[in-house]
Amino acid sequence: MRFFTLLLALCFATTAQAQSTYELDNSLRDRAKWKSFGVQDWVAGDPVERARAGRGRIAAGELNNLGGTTPVARLKSLIAVAEAGPRGYDAVHVGAKRRLPKRPTQMTLREIAVWVKATPGQPHAIGRYQIIPSTMRVLIRRSGVSPDTRFSPAVQDAFADILLKDAGLERFLKGRLSMKRFMNNLAKIWAGLPTSNGKSHYDGYAGNRATISLAYYRAQMTAFFPKAS
């Protein structure tokens, strides 16, 4: 009888843990309203969008010169280093061989969509936050901007703000979400950031890898948000 009770308790604990993980992933997915967020089935939906790292090798100078005058602005700079590189707002995925006719910041969202449709079979991650087409479509809908809006730095930052909110930024700043959980949530959005195991959340899928180390990521987050560490 005692063995049966212990076995039952263990089953309940395992189920509760699995349910907690399931609820977290689905909560993130529901908030984002984006199938590719926080799960690995994006490979089926966007098989070439993350075929390799979105940027080239990071130079030491980039790691030592993050911009931004507020903690959140500096966090955005960190994401940009991991994802876009020195081209910043005008960055285009290194695997895109058929390039844009103009700089991304000089194009409208509609023009970018036309380029994506006209150049299948290559990655299309674009801008400072390396937004892929499926994400772009959802962000346009959620933000309410017109497709004829220019993909300006301000628009890119506004899109990033939506994704940061999805990752739990507000709860994190209020002390309702741990630093570790918030960092992992960010890594579920941006493949260049490492999770708490030191690897990209999508490590091994379509050649993905984290572009910065966990030690650097943790140190920067602690510096940005000392009260949360």
Protein backbone atom coordinates (compact mmCIF):
# COMPACT_ATOMS: atom_id res chain seq x y z
CA MET A 1 0.00 0.00 0.00
CA ARG A 2 2.83 2.36 0.93
CA PHE A 3 4.60 1.57 -2.37
CA PHE A 4 1.42 2.28 -4.32
CA THR A 5 0.99 5.62 -2.51
CA LEU A 6 4.58 6.65 -3.27
CA LEU A 7 4.22 5.62 -6.89
CA LEU A 8 1.01 7.62 -7.21
CA ALA A 9 2.63 10.69 -5.66
CA LEU A 10 5.56 10.41 -8.07
CA CYS A 11 3.19 10.19 -11.03
CA PHE A 12 1.33 13.29 -9.87
CA ALA A 13 4.61 15.22 -9.43
CA THR A 14 5.86 14.23 -12.88
CA THR A 15 2.53 15.15 -14.45
CA ALA A 16 2.48 18.50 -12.66
CA GLN A 17 5.99 19.31 -13.87
CA ALA A 18 5.13 18.36 -17.44
CA GLN A 19 1.93 20.39 -17.24
CA SER A 20 3.85 23.40 -15.93
CA THR A 21 6.28 23.22 -18.87
CA TYR A 22 3.41 22.73 -21.30
CA GLU A 23 1.53 25.71 -19.87
CA LEU A 24 4.62 27.93 -20.05
CA ASP A 25 5.30 27.11 -23.69
CA ASN A 26 1.67 27.49 -24.66
CA SER A 27 1.27 30.68 -22.66
CA LEU A 28 4.20 32.19 -24.52
CA ARG A 29 2.84 30.95 -27.81
CA ASP A 30 -0.63 32.29 -27.11
CA ARG A 31 0.65 35.72 -26.08
CA ALA A 32 2.72 35.95 -29.22
CA LYS A 33 -0.03 34.54 -31.43
CA TRP A 34 2.89 33.25 -33.46
CA LYS A 35 3.25 29.54 -34.16
CA SER A 36 7.03 29.78 -34.37
CA PHE A 37 7.49 31.28 -30.90
CA GLY A 38 9.08 29.10 -28.25
CA VAL A 39 8.68 25.81 -30.08
CA GLN A 40 10.60 23.89 -32.71
CA ASP A 41 7.80 23.40 -35.24
CA TRP A 42 8.89 26.65 -36.91
CA VAL A 43 11.32 24.50 -38.90
CA ALA A 44 8.37 23.06 -40.81
CA GLY A 45 6.80 26.46 -41.37
CA ASP A 46 10.00 28.36 -42.22
CA PRO A 47 12.48 25.65 -43.25
CA VAL A 48 15.13 28.02 -44.60
CA GLU A 49 14.62 31.13 -42.49
CA ARG A 50 17.24 30.10 -39.92
CA ALA A 51 19.51 27.95 -42.11
CA ARG A 52 22.58 29.30 -40.32
CA ALA A 53 23.52 32.11 -37.94
CA GLY A 54 21.91 35.34 -39.07
CA ARG A 55 25.16 37.25 -38.74
CA GLY A 56 28.88 36.69 -39.14
CA ARG A 57 31.48 36.24 -36.41
CA ILE A 58 31.20 38.77 -33.58
CA ALA A 59 34.15 41.12 -33.13
CA ALA A 60 35.41 41.83 -29.61
CA GLY A 61 34.69 45.52 -30.05
CA GLU A 62 31.00 44.85 -30.52
CA LEU A 63 30.77 43.05 -27.19
CA ASN A 64 32.43 45.92 -25.36
CA ASN A 65 30.42 48.76 -26.85
CA LEU A 66 26.72 48.14 -26.30
CA GLY A 67 24.64 51.26 -26.85
CA GLY A 68 21.55 52.51 -25.08
CA THR A 69 20.81 54.91 -22.23
CA THR A 70 18.24 52.75 -20.42
CA PRO A 71 18.35 49.10 -19.32
CA VAL A 72 15.78 48.07 -21.94
CA ALA A 73 17.61 50.00 -24.67
CA ARG A 74 20.83 48.25 -23.71
CA LEU A 75 19.03 44.90 -23.78
CA LYS A 76 17.94 45.68 -27.33
CA SER A 77 21.56 46.44 -28.21
CA LEU A 78 22.59 43.08 -26.77
CA ILE A 79 19.98 41.32 -28.90
CA ALA A 80 21.19 43.25 -31.94
CA VAL A 81 24.77 42.13 -31.33
CA ALA A 82 23.68 38.51 -31.07
CA GLU A 83 21.43 38.69 -34.12
CA ALA A 84 22.25 41.46 -36.59
CA GLY A 85 25.83 42.62 -36.21
CA PRO A 86 27.30 46.01 -37.13
CA ARG A 87 24.78 46.69 -39.93
CA GLY A 88 22.11 47.02 -37.26
CA TYR A 89 18.79 48.26 -38.62
CA ASP A 90 19.94 47.59 -42.18
CA ALA A 91 21.13 44.05 -41.53
CA VAL A 92 19.99 41.22 -43.79
CA HIS A 93 20.62 37.54 -43.03
CA VAL A 94 24.07 36.50 -44.27
CA GLY A 95 22.52 33.57 -46.15
CA ALA A 96 20.35 35.80 -48.35
CA LYS A 97 22.15 35.68 -51.69
CA ARG A 98 19.48 37.60 -53.61
CA ARG A 99 19.68 40.91 -51.86
CA LEU A 100 17.25 43.75 -51.38
CA PRO A 101 17.14 46.53 -53.99
CA LYS A 102 17.50 49.13 -51.24
CA ARG A 103 18.56 49.30 -47.61
CA PRO A 104 15.88 47.75 -45.35
CA THR A 105 15.28 51.05 -43.55
CA GLN A 106 14.47 52.66 -46.91
CA MET A 107 11.85 50.05 -47.83
CA THR A 108 8.22 49.70 -46.82
CA LEU A 109 6.90 46.58 -45.15
CA ARG A 110 5.01 45.81 -48.36
CA GLU A 111 8.18 46.08 -50.45
CA ILE A 112 9.98 43.71 -48.08
CA ALA A 113 7.11 41.21 -48.40
CA VAL A 114 7.40 41.41 -52.20
CA TRP A 115 11.13 40.67 -51.96
CA VAL A 116 10.46 37.69 -49.71
CA LYS A 117 7.92 36.26 -52.17
CA ALA A 118 10.24 36.84 -55.13
CA THR A 119 13.25 35.14 -53.52
CA PRO A 120 12.13 31.73 -52.17
CA GLY A 121 14.61 29.18 -50.88
CA GLN A 122 16.80 31.57 -48.91
CA PRO A 123 16.72 33.12 -45.41
CA HIS A 124 14.95 36.48 -45.11
CA ALA A 125 15.65 37.53 -41.50
CA ILE A 126 15.94 41.28 -41.61
CA GLY A 127 16.74 44.35 -39.55
CA ARG A 128 18.28 44.93 -36.16
CA TYR A 129 16.27 42.13 -34.59
CA GLN A 130 16.47 39.72 -37.55
CA ILE A 131 12.72 39.36 -37.95
CA ILE A 132 11.64 36.47 -40.15
CA PRO A 133 8.63 36.69 -42.54
CA SER A 134 6.12 34.76 -40.41
CA THR A 135 6.94 36.94 -37.40
CA MET A 136 6.81 40.10 -39.50
CA ARG A 137 3.27 39.33 -40.67
CA VAL A 138 2.07 38.83 -37.10
CA LEU A 139 3.83 41.94 -35.81
CA ILE A 140 2.27 44.06 -38.55
CA ARG A 141 -1.15 42.77 -37.58
CA ARG A 142 -0.61 43.16 -33.85
CA SER A 143 0.89 46.65 -34.08
CA GLY A 144 -1.74 47.88 -36.51
CA VAL A 145 0.79 49.58 -38.80
CA SER A 146 0.10 49.90 -42.50
CA PRO A 147 2.03 47.65 -44.91
CA ASP A 148 3.07 50.90 -46.58
CA THR A 149 4.94 51.96 -43.43
CA ARG A 150 8.68 52.29 -43.85
CA PHE A 151 10.77 49.68 -41.99
CA SER A 152 12.45 52.46 -40.03
CA PRO A 153 14.50 52.11 -36.85
CA ALA A 154 11.48 53.33 -34.86
CA VAL A 155 9.23 50.65 -36.38
CA GLN A 156 11.84 47.96 -35.76
CA ASP A 157 12.17 49.02 -32.13
CA ALA A 158 8.39 48.99 -31.75
CA PHE A 159 8.28 45.44 -33.10
CA ALA A 160 11.02 44.44 -30.67
CA ASP A 161 9.00 45.95 -27.80
CA ILE A 162 6.11 43.62 -28.66
CA LEU A 163 8.40 40.60 -28.58
CA LEU A 164 9.99 41.73 -25.31
CA LYS A 165 6.54 42.00 -23.78
CA ASP A 166 5.79 38.47 -25.00
CA ALA A 167 8.94 37.30 -23.24
CA GLY A 168 7.63 38.72 -19.96
CA LEU A 169 9.51 42.01 -19.68
CA GLU A 170 6.81 43.73 -17.63
CA ARG A 171 6.55 40.85 -15.15
CA PHE A 172 10.34 40.65 -14.97
CA LEU A 173 10.67 44.35 -14.13
CA LYS A 174 8.02 43.96 -11.42
CA GLY A 175 9.86 41.03 -9.85
CA ARG A 176 7.24 38.49 -10.90
CA LEU A 177 9.54 36.61 -13.30
CA SER A 178 13.03 35.40 -12.49
CA MET A 179 16.10 36.53 -14.38
CA LYS A 180 16.75 32.95 -15.52
CA ARG A 181 13.22 32.47 -16.84
CA PHE A 182 13.23 35.83 -18.61
CA MET A 183 16.59 35.10 -20.24
CA ASN A 184 15.33 31.73 -21.41
CA ASN A 185 12.17 33.32 -22.77
CA LEU A 186 14.27 35.79 -24.76
CA ALA A 187 16.29 32.88 -26.12
CA LYS A 188 13.08 31.31 -27.36
CA ILE A 189 12.53 34.36 -29.54
CA TRP A 190 16.09 35.13 -30.63
CA ALA A 191 18.10 32.05 -31.56
CA GLY A 192 21.42 33.89 -31.15
CA LEU A 193 20.90 34.13 -27.38
CA PRO A 194 21.82 31.10 -25.26
CA THR A 195 19.49 29.39 -22.82
CA SER A 196 20.58 28.45 -19.29
CA ASN A 197 22.30 25.33 -20.71
CA GLY A 198 24.60 27.54 -22.79
CA LYS A 199 23.09 26.59 -26.14
CA SER A 200 20.53 28.16 -28.43
CA HIS A 201 16.96 27.04 -27.74
CA TYR A 202 17.05 25.87 -31.36
CA ASP A 203 20.55 24.42 -31.26
CA GLY A 204 21.00 21.82 -33.98
CA TYR A 205 17.86 22.81 -35.87
CA ALA A 206 18.79 24.03 -39.35
CA GLY A 207 22.31 24.88 -38.18
CA ASN A 208 21.26 27.21 -35.37
CA ARG A 209 23.67 28.16 -32.61
CA ALA A 210 24.00 30.80 -29.92
CA THR A 211 26.29 33.61 -31.04
CA ILE A 212 27.23 34.86 -27.56
CA SER A 213 28.27 32.89 -24.48
CA LEU A 214 26.02 32.30 -21.50
CA ALA A 215 28.62 33.93 -19.23
CA TYR A 216 28.57 37.13 -21.31
CA TYR A 217 24.78 37.09 -21.61
CA ARG A 218 24.33 36.65 -17.85
CA ALA A 219 26.92 39.31 -17.00
CA GLN A 220 25.27 41.87 -19.26
CA MET A 221 21.79 41.15 -17.95
CA THR A 222 23.02 41.48 -14.38
CA ALA A 223 24.60 44.83 -15.26
CA PHE A 224 21.43 46.05 -16.98
CA PHE A 225 19.09 44.91 -14.23
CA PRO A 226 21.09 44.72 -10.96
CA LYS A 227 18.01 44.67 -8.74
CA ALA A 228 16.71 41.54 -10.48
CA SER A 229 19.92 39.53 -10.17
